[in-house]
Amino acid sequence: MTLIGLAEHTLKICENDLAESDLGSLRNQQGLWAFFSQASPGRMQLLLANTGVLAQRHPRFIQLCDRFGHLIEIRQIPDYLSHARQGWIIGDDEHYLIRHHYDWQRGESGCNSKYASQLKQQFATLWEQSTPCSSSQRLDL
């Protein structure tokens, strides 16, 4: 997730369950730690269709949630909206990475504020209709 290193202010992540992600890797944990602990800390919004995998496969990320929970928001996409199969990350409303299907590792990345803006609108629509996960729920995922 090279995009983590590029972002300075915001990260918006929309995924199925992060099962295929390296979000919990040591490298990403260090990158996110730097992102959250800088002078003007970054904020993360994470949308997942299935939150169960998060605690099972990403204990380092759960540690980050414990430490920086005030900067991380996690929401679950409702079943009636989880039919979409794309996953994406938006950094600072400019950089993006999009996978056209959750099961495929291939995708596109770039730096195009117009395209990132379209993804941001899709993200905002899903975000508004999704259910917040409280910090206690996050630990028990």
Protein backbone atom coordinates (compact mmCIF):
# COMPACT_ATOMS: atom_id res chain seq x y z
CA MET A 1 0.00 0.00 0.00
CA THR A 2 2.35 2.67 -1.26
CA LEU A 3 -0.53 5.12 -1.07
CA ILE A 4 -0.20 5.23 2.73
CA GLY A 5 3.20 6.87 2.34
CA LEU A 6 1.82 9.47 -0.07
CA ALA A 7 -1.12 10.57 2.08
CA GLU A 8 -0.62 13.37 4.59
CA HIS A 9 -4.14 14.29 5.73
CA THR A 10 -6.79 11.71 4.81
CA LEU A 11 -7.09 8.07 3.83
CA LYS A 12 -10.41 6.66 2.68
CA ILE A 13 -10.48 2.89 2.19
CA CYS A 14 -13.40 0.89 0.82
CA GLU A 15 -12.95 -2.89 0.70
CA ASN A 16 -14.79 -6.14 1.10
CA ASP A 17 -12.97 -7.48 4.17
CA LEU A 18 -9.23 -6.73 3.76
CA ALA A 19 -8.51 -10.49 3.64
CA GLU A 20 -6.13 -10.04 0.70
CA SER A 21 -4.70 -6.77 1.98
CA ASP A 22 -1.35 -6.21 3.64
CA LEU A 23 -2.85 -3.53 5.88
CA GLY A 24 -1.60 -5.42 8.93
CA SER A 25 2.00 -5.74 7.72
CA LEU A 26 4.82 -4.25 9.77
CA ARG A 27 5.66 -1.84 6.93
CA ASN A 28 2.09 -0.53 6.77
CA GLN A 29 1.82 -0.37 10.55
CA GLN A 30 4.91 1.84 10.62
CA GLY A 31 3.57 3.98 7.76
CA LEU A 32 0.21 4.41 9.46
CA TRP A 33 1.88 5.13 12.81
CA ALA A 34 3.79 7.98 11.13
CA PHE A 35 0.57 9.15 9.40
CA PHE A 36 -1.33 9.30 12.70
CA SER A 37 1.47 10.73 14.85
CA GLN A 38 2.67 13.60 12.65
CA ALA A 39 2.30 17.22 13.86
CA SER A 40 -1.05 17.51 12.09
CA PRO A 41 -2.32 13.92 12.38
CA GLY A 42 -3.99 12.20 9.46
CA ARG A 43 -7.48 10.71 9.63
CA MET A 44 -8.68 7.40 8.22
CA GLN A 45 -12.15 6.31 7.18
CA LEU A 46 -12.48 2.58 6.58
CA LEU A 47 -15.55 1.04 4.92
CA LEU A 48 -15.87 -2.75 4.97
CA ALA A 49 -18.59 -5.08 3.73
CA ASN A 50 -17.38 -7.74 6.20
CA THR A 51 -15.62 -6.61 9.38
CA GLY A 52 -14.96 -10.12 10.73
CA VAL A 53 -11.60 -10.59 9.01
CA LEU A 54 -10.11 -7.40 10.44
CA ALA A 55 -9.35 -8.71 13.95
CA GLN A 56 -8.49 -12.21 12.73
CA ARG A 57 -5.84 -11.25 10.16
CA HIS A 58 -4.73 -7.75 11.09
CA PRO A 59 -3.78 -7.60 14.79
CA ARG A 60 -1.27 -4.81 14.12
CA PHE A 61 -4.05 -2.69 12.67
CA ILE A 62 -6.19 -3.38 15.75
CA GLN A 63 -3.26 -2.11 17.87
CA LEU A 64 -3.30 1.08 15.80
CA CYS A 65 -7.04 1.37 16.43
CA ASP A 66 -6.40 1.07 20.17
CA ARG A 67 -3.79 3.84 20.07
CA PHE A 68 -5.30 6.14 17.43
CA GLY A 69 -9.00 5.31 17.67
CA HIS A 70 -9.88 9.00 17.68
CA LEU A 71 -8.38 9.29 14.18
CA ILE A 72 -9.80 6.07 12.70
CA GLU A 73 -13.45 5.55 11.81
CA ILE A 74 -14.67 2.13 10.73
CA ARG A 75 -18.09 1.50 9.23
CA GLN A 76 -19.76 -1.60 7.87
CA ILE A 77 -21.49 -1.45 4.50
CA PRO A 78 -25.06 -2.77 4.77
CA ASP A 79 -25.87 -6.04 3.01
CA TYR A 80 -28.12 -4.35 0.47
CA LEU A 81 -25.19 -2.21 -0.71
CA SER A 82 -22.43 -4.80 -0.51
CA HIS A 83 -23.12 -6.10 -4.03
CA ALA A 84 -20.55 -3.68 -5.45
CA ARG A 85 -17.29 -5.52 -6.00
CA GLN A 86 -14.80 -2.66 -6.35
CA GLY A 87 -12.28 -1.75 -3.71
CA TRP A 88 -10.41 1.51 -3.53
CA ILE A 89 -8.19 3.79 -1.49
CA ILE A 90 -8.12 7.58 -1.77
CA GLY A 91 -5.27 9.57 -0.26
CA ASP A 92 -5.69 13.30 0.33
CA ASP A 93 -8.52 13.41 -2.27
CA GLU A 94 -5.89 13.20 -4.99
CA HIS A 95 -4.06 9.85 -5.06
CA TYR A 96 -6.05 6.69 -5.64
CA LEU A 97 -5.77 2.96 -6.05
CA ILE A 98 -8.74 1.05 -7.39
CA ARG A 99 -9.28 -2.67 -7.79
CA HIS A 100 -12.10 -3.47 -10.18
CA HIS A 101 -13.04 -6.58 -8.21
CA TYR A 102 -12.34 -7.56 -4.60
CA ASP A 103 -10.93 -10.91 -5.68
CA TRP A 104 -8.42 -9.46 -8.13
CA GLN A 105 -5.09 -8.04 -7.03
CA ARG A 106 -4.75 -6.07 -10.25
CA GLY A 107 -5.97 -2.53 -10.38
CA GLU A 108 -5.12 1.03 -11.30
CA SER A 109 -3.40 3.74 -9.35
CA GLY A 110 -2.76 7.34 -10.11
CA CYS A 111 -2.83 10.96 -9.12
CA ASN A 112 -5.86 12.57 -10.70
CA SER A 113 -7.97 14.80 -8.50
CA LYS A 114 -10.96 14.59 -10.88
CA TYR A 115 -11.07 10.77 -10.81
CA ALA A 116 -10.33 10.73 -7.08
CA SER A 117 -13.23 13.16 -6.63
CA GLN A 118 -15.60 10.69 -8.32
CA LEU A 119 -14.38 7.91 -6.03
CA LYS A 120 -14.78 10.25 -3.06
CA GLN A 121 -18.44 10.86 -4.01
CA GLN A 122 -19.07 7.10 -4.20
CA PHE A 123 -17.33 6.70 -0.86
CA ALA A 124 -19.45 9.46 0.73
CA THR A 125 -22.66 7.81 -0.49
CA LEU A 126 -21.66 4.46 1.01
CA TRP A 127 -20.37 6.11 4.19
CA GLU A 128 -23.69 7.84 4.90
CA GLN A 129 -25.61 4.58 4.59
CA SER A 130 -23.15 2.44 6.54
CA THR A 131 -23.24 1.46 10.19
CA PRO A 132 -20.55 2.79 12.55
CA CYS A 133 -18.48 0.26 14.46
CA SER A 134 -17.84 1.38 18.04
CA SER A 135 -14.41 0.91 19.58
CA SER A 136 -15.68 -2.02 21.65
CA GLN A 137 -17.16 -3.67 18.57
CA ARG A 138 -13.90 -3.12 16.72
CA LEU A 139 -12.01 -5.13 19.32
CA ASP A 140 -14.49 -7.98 19.24
CA LEU A 141 -14.70 -8.27 15.45
